[in-house]
C-alpha atoms as a PDB file:
ATOM      1  CA  MET A   1     258.584 119.934-182.040  1.00  0.00           C
ATOM      2  CA  ARG A   2     259.226 119.531-178.334  1.00  0.00           C
ATOM      3  CA  ARG A   3     261.422 122.650-178.363  1.00  0.00           C
ATOM      4  CA  ILE A   4     258.635 124.615-180.071  1.00  0.00           C
ATOM      5  CA  LEU A   5     256.069 123.453-177.512  1.00  0.00           C
ATOM      6  CA  VAL A   6     258.329 124.341-174.607  1.00  0.00           C
ATOM      7  CA  ALA A   7     258.979 127.766-176.140  1.00  0.00           C
ATOM      8  CA  ALA A   8     255.239 128.326-176.508  1.00  0.00           C
ATOM      9  CA  ALA A   9     254.680 127.296-172.912  1.00  0.00           C
ATOM     10  CA  LEU A  10     257.439 129.526-171.557  1.00  0.00           C
ATOM     11  CA  LEU A  11     256.238 132.608-173.411  1.00  0.00           C
ATOM     12  CA  CYS A  12     252.688 132.247-172.144  1.00  0.00           C
ATOM     13  CA  LEU A  13     253.836 131.338-168.637  1.00  0.00           C
ATOM     14  CA  VAL A  14     256.177 134.276-168.248  1.00  0.00           C
ATOM     15  CA  LEU A  15     253.599 136.693-169.620  1.00  0.00           C
ATOM     16  CA  SER A  16     251.134 135.354-167.073  1.00  0.00           C
ATOM     17  CA  GLY A  17     253.587 135.905-164.221  1.00  0.00           C
ATOM     18  CA  ALA A  18     253.278 135.006-160.583  1.00  0.00           C
ATOM     19  CA  ALA A  19     251.902 136.735-157.512  1.00  0.00           C
ATOM     20  CA  VAL A  20     253.700 137.978-154.447  1.00  0.00           C
ATOM     21  CA  ALA A  21     252.334 138.727-151.009  1.00  0.00           C
ATOM     22  CA  ARG A  22     249.960 141.703-150.812  1.00  0.00           C
ATOM     23  CA  ALA A  23     249.350 141.799-154.565  1.00  0.00           C
ATOM     24  CA  GLU A  24     246.068 143.430-155.559  1.00  0.00           C
ATOM     25  CA  ILE A  25     243.412 141.330-157.319  1.00  0.00           C
ATOM     26  CA  PHE A  26     241.424 142.513-160.348  1.00  0.00           C
ATOM     27  CA  GLY A  27     238.901 140.948-162.694  1.00  0.00           C
ATOM     28  CA  GLY A  28     235.863 138.739-162.171  1.00  0.00           C
ATOM     29  CA  LYS A  29     233.586 136.166-163.803  1.00  0.00           C
ATOM     30  CA  GLY A  30     236.104 133.399-163.262  1.00  0.00           C
ATOM     31  CA  LEU A  31     239.225 135.238-164.491  1.00  0.00           C
ATOM     32  CA  PHE A  32     241.468 137.191-162.136  1.00  0.00           C
ATOM     33  CA  ILE A  33     244.785 139.034-162.238  1.00  0.00           C
ATOM     34  CA  LYS A  34     247.037 139.554-159.253  1.00  0.00           C
ATOM     35  CA  PHE A  35     249.149 142.609-159.937  1.00  0.00           C
ATOM     36  CA  ASP A  36     251.844 144.075-157.723  1.00  0.00           C
ATOM     37  CA  GLY A  37     254.551 146.670-158.157  1.00  0.00           C
ATOM     38  CA  ASP A  38     256.512 149.202-156.184  1.00  0.00           C
ATOM     39  CA  PHE A  39     259.441 151.604-156.295  1.00  0.00           C
ATOM     40  CA  ALA A  40     262.256 152.686-154.011  1.00  0.00           C
ATOM     41  CA  PRO A  41     263.032 155.019-152.447  1.00  0.00           C
ATOM     42  CA  ARG A  42     259.565 156.308-151.537  1.00  0.00           C
ATOM     43  CA  SER A  43     261.058 159.587-150.262  1.00  0.00           C
ATOM     44  CA  LEU A  44     261.676 161.820-153.308  1.00  0.00           C
ATOM     45  CA  PRO A  45     262.327 165.500-154.143  1.00  0.00           C
ATOM     46  CA  ARG A  46     259.384 167.627-155.222  1.00  0.00           C
ATOM     47  CA  ASP A  47     261.195 169.570-157.946  1.00  0.00           C
ATOM     48  CA  ARG A  48     263.688 167.203-159.594  1.00  0.00           C
ATOM     49  CA  ASP A  49     263.980 163.612-160.780  1.00  0.00           C
ATOM     50  CA  VAL A  50     266.196 161.148-158.895  1.00  0.00           C
ATOM     51  CA  PRO A  51     267.027 157.479-159.612  1.00  0.00           C
ATOM     52  CA  VAL A  52     264.501 154.851-158.514  1.00  0.00           C
ATOM     53  CA  THR A  53     264.315 151.067-158.618  1.00  0.00           C
ATOM     54  CA  VAL A  54     261.028 149.528-159.790  1.00  0.00           C
ATOM     55  CA  HIS A  55     259.697 145.986-159.593  1.00  0.00           C
ATOM     56  CA  LEU A  56     256.579 144.489-161.193  1.00  0.00           C
ATOM     57  CA  ASP A  57     254.894 141.122-160.505  1.00  0.00           C
ATOM     58  CA  THR A  58     251.728 139.683-162.055  1.00  0.00           C
ATOM     59  CA  ALA A  59     249.677 136.487-162.109  1.00  0.00           C
ATOM     60  CA  ILE A  60     246.712 135.304-164.162  1.00  0.00           C
ATOM     61  CA  LYS A  61     244.362 132.879-162.399  1.00  0.00           C
ATOM     62  CA  THR A  62     240.959 131.296-162.935  1.00  0.00           C
ATOM     63  CA  GLY A  63     238.403 130.735-160.206  1.00  0.00           C
ATOM     64  CA  ASP A  64     238.210 126.974-160.761  1.00  0.00           C
ATOM     65  CA  GLY A  65     241.915 126.376-161.405  1.00  0.00           C
ATOM     66  CA  SER A  66     241.484 125.727-165.125  1.00  0.00           C
ATOM     67  CA  SER A  67     243.753 127.214-167.804  1.00  0.00           C
ATOM     68  CA  PRO A  68     243.066 130.888-168.538  1.00  0.00           C
ATOM     69  CA  PRO A  69     242.266 132.095-172.070  1.00  0.00           C
ATOM     70  CA  GLN A  70     245.212 132.976-174.263  1.00  0.00           C
ATOM     71  CA  LEU A  71     246.777 136.350-173.657  1.00  0.00           C
ATOM     72  CA  ARG A  72     246.852 138.491-176.807  1.00  0.00           C
ATOM     73  CA  GLN A  73     248.306 141.851-175.698  1.00  0.00           C
ATOM     74  CA  ILE A  74     249.824 143.493-172.610  1.00  0.00           C
ATOM     75  CA  SER A  75     250.163 147.211-171.937  1.00  0.00           C
ATOM     76  CA  PHE A  76     251.809 148.921-168.963  1.00  0.00           C
ATOM     77  CA  GLU A  77     251.353 152.656-168.380  1.00  0.00           C
ATOM     78  CA  VAL A  78     253.641 154.507-165.972  1.00  0.00           C
ATOM     79  CA  ASN A  79     252.776 157.695-164.088  1.00  0.00           C
ATOM     80  CA  ARG A  80     253.934 160.890-165.778  1.00  0.00           C
ATOM     81  CA  TYR A  81     256.148 161.781-162.806  1.00  0.00           C
ATOM     82  CA  GLY A  82     258.200 158.654-163.427  1.00  0.00           C
ATOM     83  CA  ARG A  83     260.616 158.977-166.325  1.00  0.00           C
ATOM     84  CA  ILE A  84     262.528 156.575-168.582  1.00  0.00           C
ATOM     85  CA  SER A  85     265.919 157.823-169.776  1.00  0.00           C
ATOM     86  CA  THR A  86     267.911 156.106-172.515  1.00  0.00           C
ATOM     87  CA  ASP A  87     270.198 159.014-173.481  1.00  0.00           C
ATOM     88  CA  GLY A  88     273.577 157.507-174.271  1.00  0.00           C
ATOM     89  CA  LEU A  89     272.415 153.995-173.419  1.00  0.00           C
ATOM     90  CA  PRO A  90     273.334 151.327-176.009  1.00  0.00           C
ATOM     91  CA  ALA A  91     270.432 149.659-177.817  1.00  0.00           C
ATOM     92  CA  CYS A  92     270.096 145.984-178.668  1.00  0.00           C
ATOM     93  CA  GLY A  93     268.061 144.417-181.474  1.00  0.00           C
ATOM     94  CA  PRO A  94     265.845 141.305-181.280  1.00  0.00           C
ATOM     95  CA  ALA A  95     268.073 139.455-183.771  1.00  0.00           C
ATOM     96  CA  GLN A  96     271.040 139.822-181.389  1.00  0.00           C
ATOM     97  CA  LEU A  97     269.101 138.015-178.646  1.00  0.00           C
ATOM     98  CA  GLU A  98     267.362 135.240-180.553  1.00  0.00           C
ATOM     99  CA  SER A  99     268.559 131.689-179.749  1.00  0.00           C
ATOM    100  CA  THR A 100     270.929 132.893-177.008  1.00  0.00           C
ATOM    101  CA  SER A 101     271.462 131.771-173.443  1.00  0.00           C
ATOM    102  CA  THR A 102     271.453 134.289-170.598  1.00  0.00           C
ATOM    103  CA  ALA A 103     275.257 134.391-170.679  1.00  0.00           C
ATOM    104  CA  ALA A 104     275.365 134.877-174.453  1.00  0.00           C
ATOM    105  CA  ALA A 105     272.706 137.607-174.326  1.00  0.00           C
ATOM    106  CA  LEU A 106     274.748 139.476-171.717  1.00  0.00           C
ATOM    107  CA  GLN A 107     277.911 139.050-173.760  1.00  0.00           C
ATOM    108  CA  ARG A 108     276.225 140.608-176.791  1.00  0.00           C
ATOM    109  CA  CYS A 109     274.102 143.282-175.124  1.00  0.00           C
ATOM    110  CA  ARG A 110     275.353 143.899-171.572  1.00  0.00           C
ATOM    111  CA  GLY A 111     275.617 147.632-172.219  1.00  0.00           C
ATOM    112  CA  ALA A 112     271.886 147.777-172.969  1.00  0.00           C
ATOM    113  CA  LEU A 113     270.781 145.859-169.852  1.00  0.00           C
ATOM    114  CA  VAL A 114     268.097 147.699-167.824  1.00  0.00           C
ATOM    115  CA  GLY A 115     266.419 144.956-165.748  1.00  0.00           C
ATOM    116  CA  HIS A 116     266.655 141.377-164.572  1.00  0.00           C
ATOM    117  CA  GLY A 117     264.564 138.676-162.943  1.00  0.00           C
ATOM    118  CA  GLY A 118     263.661 135.029-162.899  1.00  0.00           C
ATOM    119  CA  PHE A 119     260.764 132.606-162.878  1.00  0.00           C
ATOM    120  CA  ASP A 120     259.792 129.096-161.819  1.00  0.00           C
ATOM    121  CA  ALA A 121     257.029 127.135-163.539  1.00  0.00           C
ATOM    122  CA  ASP A 122     255.529 123.688-163.912  1.00  0.00           C
ATOM    123  CA  VAL A 123     255.016 122.661-167.545  1.00  0.00           C
ATOM    124  CA  ALA A 124     252.627 119.834-168.452  1.00  0.00           C
ATOM    125  CA  PHE A 125     252.183 117.982-171.747  1.00  0.00           C
ATOM    126  CA  PRO A 126     249.381 115.513-172.563  1.00  0.00           C
ATOM    127  CA  ASP A 127     249.795 112.142-170.810  1.00  0.00           C
ATOM    128  CA  ARG A 128     252.766 113.376-168.800  1.00  0.00           C
ATOM    129  CA  GLU A 129     253.332 114.503-165.246  1.00  0.00           C
ATOM    130  CA  PRO A 130     254.191 118.219-164.920  1.00  0.00           C
ATOM    131  CA  PHE A 131     257.911 118.940-164.761  1.00  0.00           C
ATOM    132  CA  PRO A 132     259.566 121.992-163.145  1.00  0.00           C
ATOM    133  CA  VAL A 133     261.193 124.714-165.235  1.00  0.00           C
ATOM    134  CA  HIS A 134     263.442 127.447-163.866  1.00  0.00           C
ATOM    135  CA  GLY A 135     264.449 130.355-166.032  1.00  0.00           C
ATOM    136  CA  THR A 136     265.982 133.807-166.083  1.00  0.00           C
ATOM    137  CA  MET A 137     264.690 137.050-167.552  1.00  0.00           C
ATOM    138  CA  LEU A 138     266.710 140.006-168.774  1.00  0.00           C
ATOM    139  CA  ALA A 139     265.350 143.351-169.976  1.00  0.00           C
ATOM    140  CA  PHE A 140     267.336 145.345-172.546  1.00  0.00           C
ATOM    141  CA  ASN A 141     267.017 148.796-174.016  1.00  0.00           C
ATOM    142  CA  GLY A 142     266.427 148.221-177.704  1.00  0.00           C
ATOM    143  CA  ARG A 143     264.713 149.019-180.944  1.00  0.00           C
ATOM    144  CA  ALA A 144     262.035 146.996-182.693  1.00  0.00           C
ATOM    145  CA  HIS A 145     259.687 147.681-185.611  1.00  0.00           C
ATOM    146  CA  GLY A 146     261.466 150.977-186.285  1.00  0.00           C
ATOM    147  CA  GLY A 147     260.997 152.469-182.818  1.00  0.00           C
ATOM    148  CA  PRO A 148     262.261 152.365-179.227  1.00  0.00           C
ATOM    149  CA  ALA A 149     261.490 149.211-177.272  1.00  0.00           C
ATOM    150  CA  ILE A 150     262.218 147.225-174.150  1.00  0.00           C
ATOM    151  CA  LEU A 151     263.275 143.694-175.116  1.00  0.00           C
ATOM    152  CA  LEU A 152     262.461 140.936-172.631  1.00  0.00           C
ATOM    153  CA  HIS A 153     264.815 137.958-172.982  1.00  0.00           C
ATOM    154  CA  VAL A 154     263.489 134.737-171.415  1.00  0.00           C
ATOM    155  CA  TYR A 155     265.724 131.693-171.134  1.00  0.00           C
ATOM    156  CA  ALA A 156     265.388 128.195-169.662  1.00  0.00           C
ATOM    157  CA  SER A 157     267.887 125.334-169.962  1.00  0.00           C
ATOM    158  CA  LYS A 158     265.832 122.346-168.790  1.00  0.00           C
ATOM    159  CA  PRO A 159     264.440 120.103-170.215  1.00  0.00           C
ATOM    160  CA  VAL A 160     265.911 121.761-173.338  1.00  0.00           C
ATOM    161  CA  ASP A 161     267.524 125.129-174.072  1.00  0.00           C
ATOM    162  CA  VAL A 162     264.736 127.553-175.013  1.00  0.00           C
ATOM    163  CA  THR A 163     264.869 131.303-175.646  1.00  0.00           C
ATOM    164  CA  VAL A 164     261.929 133.670-176.126  1.00  0.00           C
ATOM    165  CA  VAL A 165     262.353 137.384-176.959  1.00  0.00           C
ATOM    166  CA  LEU A 166     259.408 139.716-176.493  1.00  0.00           C
ATOM    167  CA  ALA A 167     259.468 143.356-177.675  1.00  0.00           C
ATOM    168  CA  PHE A 168     257.559 146.014-175.726  1.00  0.00           C
ATOM    169  CA  SER A 169     257.101 149.138-177.854  1.00  0.00           C
ATOM    170  CA  LEU A 170     257.667 152.425-176.029  1.00  0.00           C
ATOM    171  CA  ARG A 171     255.756 155.689-176.462  1.00  0.00           C
ATOM    172  CA  HIS A 172     255.167 158.893-174.484  1.00  0.00           C
ATOM    173  CA  PRO A 173     251.647 160.423-174.588  1.00  0.00           C
ATOM    174  CA  LYS A 174     251.657 164.207-174.237  1.00  0.00           C
ATOM    175  CA  GLN A 175     248.509 164.324-172.084  1.00  0.00           C
ATOM    176  CA  GLY A 176     246.998 162.341-169.210  1.00  0.00           C
ATOM    177  CA  LYS A 177     248.320 161.039-165.911  1.00  0.00           C
ATOM    178  CA  PHE A 178     250.421 158.313-167.559  1.00  0.00           C
ATOM    179  CA  GLY A 179     253.478 159.557-169.443  1.00  0.00           C
ATOM    180  CA  THR A 180     255.028 156.285-170.646  1.00  0.00           C
ATOM    181  CA  VAL A 181     253.256 153.350-172.298  1.00  0.00           C
ATOM    182  CA  LEU A 182     254.854 149.938-173.005  1.00  0.00           C
ATOM    183  CA  THR A 183     252.893 147.511-175.201  1.00  0.00           C
ATOM    184  CA  ALA A 184     253.592 144.001-176.492  1.00  0.00           C
ATOM    185  CA  LYS A 185     251.496 141.752-178.696  1.00  0.00           C
ATOM    186  CA  VAL A 186     251.495 138.075-177.782  1.00  0.00           C
ATOM    187  CA  PRO A 187     251.667 135.436-180.545  1.00  0.00           C
ATOM    188  CA  LYS A 188     248.847 132.904-180.813  1.00  0.00           C
ATOM    189  CA  LEU A 189     250.486 130.106-178.860  1.00  0.00           C
ATOM    190  CA  ALA A 190     249.079 127.337-176.718  1.00  0.00           C
ATOM    191  CA  SER A 191     248.595 128.618-173.165  1.00  0.00           C
ATOM    192  CA  ASP A 192     247.388 125.464-171.407  1.00  0.00           C
ATOM    193  CA  LEU A 193     250.733 123.739-170.970  1.00  0.00           C
ATOM    194  CA  GLY A 194     251.506 124.720-167.386  1.00  0.00           C
ATOM    195  CA  TYR A 195     251.475 127.338-164.678  1.00  0.00           C
ATOM    196  CA  VAL A 196     253.921 129.737-163.082  1.00  0.00           C
ATOM    197  CA  THR A 197     254.821 129.361-159.421  1.00  0.00           C
ATOM    198  CA  ASP A 198     257.096 132.397-159.071  1.00  0.00           C
ATOM    199  CA  VAL A 199     258.362 135.337-161.146  1.00  0.00           C
ATOM    200  CA  ALA A 200     259.954 138.733-160.477  1.00  0.00           C
ATOM    201  CA  LEU A 201     261.368 141.518-162.655  1.00  0.00           C
ATOM    202  CA  VAL A 202     263.385 144.477-161.356  1.00  0.00           C
ATOM    203  CA  PHE A 203     264.483 147.619-163.247  1.00  0.00           C
ATOM    204  CA  ASP A 204     267.503 149.277-161.632  1.00  0.00           C
ATOM    205  CA  ARG A 205     270.040 150.383-164.296  1.00  0.00           C
ATOM    206  CA  ARG A 206     272.420 153.268-163.522  1.00  0.00           C
ATOM    207  CA  TYR A 207     275.010 154.474-166.049  1.00  0.00           C
ATOM    208  CA  SER A 208     277.277 157.380-167.020  1.00  0.00           C
ATOM    209  CA  TYR A 209     277.006 159.468-170.176  1.00  0.00           C
ATOM    210  CA  ARG A 210     279.050 162.552-171.108  1.00  0.00           C
ATOM    211  CA  GLY A 211     280.423 162.815-167.606  1.00  0.00           C
ATOM    212  CA  ARG A 212     277.013 162.708-165.877  1.00  0.00           C
ATOM    213  CA  ARG A 213     275.255 159.968-163.961  1.00  0.00           C
ATOM    214  CA  HIS A 214     271.956 158.717-165.401  1.00  0.00           C
ATOM    215  CA  SER A 215     269.268 156.280-164.321  1.00  0.00           C
ATOM    216  CA  PHE A 216     267.070 154.260-166.649  1.00  0.00           C
ATOM    217  CA  LEU A 217     264.183 155.072-164.284  1.00  0.00           C
ATOM    218  CA  SER A 218     263.825 158.231-162.234  1.00  0.00           C
ATOM    219  CA  ALA A 219     260.982 160.026-160.465  1.00  0.00           C
ATOM    220  CA  ARG A 220     259.894 162.920-158.284  1.00  0.00           C
ATOM    221  CA  CYS A 221     257.130 163.263-155.671  1.00  0.00           C
ATOM    222  CA  ALA A 222     254.497 165.475-157.284  1.00  0.00           C
ATOM    223  CA  ALA A 223     252.939 166.711-154.042  1.00  0.00           C
ATOM    224  CA  PRO A 224     251.405 170.205-154.102  1.00  0.00           C
ATOM    225  CA  SER A 225     253.352 172.925-152.331  1.00  0.00           C
ATOM    226  CA  GLY A 226     252.803 172.720-148.583  1.00  0.00           C
ATOM    227  CA  PHE A 227     251.899 169.005-148.608  1.00  0.00           C
ATOM    228  CA  PRO A 228     254.362 166.427-147.215  1.00  0.00           C
ATOM    229  CA  GLY A 229     253.480 163.738-149.762  1.00  0.00           C
ATOM    230  CA  ALA A 230     251.072 162.501-152.405  1.00  0.00           C
ATOM    231  CA  ILE A 231     248.938 159.502-153.359  1.00  0.00           C
ATOM    232  CA  PHE A 232     248.980 158.733-157.073  1.00  0.00           C
ATOM    233  CA  SER A 233     248.272 156.135-159.777  1.00  0.00           C
ATOM    234  CA  PHE A 234     251.640 154.385-159.994  1.00  0.00           C
ATOM    235  CA  THR A 235     250.993 152.150-162.998  1.00  0.00           C
ATOM    236  CA  ARG A 236     248.112 150.753-165.019  1.00  0.00           C
ATOM    237  CA  GLY A 237     248.213 147.367-166.690  1.00  0.00           C
ATOM    238  CA  THR A 238     245.821 146.289-169.449  1.00  0.00           C
ATOM    239  CA  PHE A 239     245.593 142.574-170.285  1.00  0.00           C
ATOM    240  CA  SER A 240     243.685 141.580-173.440  1.00  0.00           C
ATOM    241  CA  PHE A 241     242.647 137.951-173.965  1.00  0.00           C
ATOM    242  CA  ALA A 242     241.349 135.783-176.788  1.00  0.00           C
ATOM    243  CA  GLY A 243     237.577 136.110-177.081  1.00  0.00           C
ATOM    244  CA  GLY A 244     237.628 139.845-176.327  1.00  0.00           C
ATOM    245  CA  LYS A 245     238.032 139.679-172.537  1.00  0.00           C
ATOM    246  CA  LYS A 246     240.029 142.600-171.139  1.00  0.00           C
ATOM    247  CA  ILE A 247     241.135 143.314-167.563  1.00  0.00           C
ATOM    248  CA  VAL A 248     242.472 146.728-166.548  1.00  0.00           C
ATOM    249  CA  THR A 249     244.532 146.947-163.364  1.00  0.00           C
ATOM    250  CA  THR A 250     245.688 150.106-161.582  1.00  0.00           C
ATOM    251  CA  LEU A 251     248.121 150.285-158.674  1.00  0.00           C
ATOM    252  CA  THR A 252     247.904 153.266-156.341  1.00  0.00           C
ATOM    253  CA  ARG A 253     251.004 154.165-154.354  1.00  0.00           C
ATOM    254  CA  ASN A 254     252.263 157.070-152.260  1.00  0.00           C
ATOM    255  CA  CYS A 255     255.440 159.130-152.007  1.00  0.00           C
ATOM    256  CA  LYS A 256     256.962 161.423-149.401  1.00  0.00           C
ATOM    257  CA  VAL A 257     258.643 164.747-150.135  1.00  0.00           C
ATOM    258  CA  ARG A 258     262.210 164.938-148.877  1.00  0.00           C
END
């Protein structure tokens, strides 16, 4: 039972995330989300895609410090001029990652690795002082529910070994400013068992396929001809909570034509 409770806590904590300096704040009426993300390099070609590294950080907070409502679904939408490439990249399945440590997950699915990160949290149970939890996160190219997915592997070893695997489905709308959408449903688990103090996730995979170099993430600077750069909607995050509350966050960033 304790393992189940810790697993429930870790899943909700990691999905809540943690803020970093200069994160933008969204929401209201007692519920707020700090959302931050960026990419490098900022200087990009106008007419071709080149490899980029992307990081995302989030936090869910309440105005009075109480526990937020349970998170039910998360969706991240990425600007159309950023591209995900998985051609020739191995895919991992959720069953290969269940009940594995970070080392075991890498041993089974290293070829599918696309991102990495870590988190720190304080977990509290009734009638107990909060205790610290440190964990790692790995993101893998995968398949789930019959379609492409990004699998987030979350692992902590103290106070007990706990693994949580979350599948983000992947789709590509043909119209609109956002060309890639990643969505994950969150199980109905207790979300009042602790709080995150720090989390970070970076996507930076490069690989070779058929004699050519590829990048899991690539982008171009879509500035009109004659303009040295552009300001654009980098990513949009939608967080849906129990009770029907929904917060939509949008990060605006800029690029420079090189």
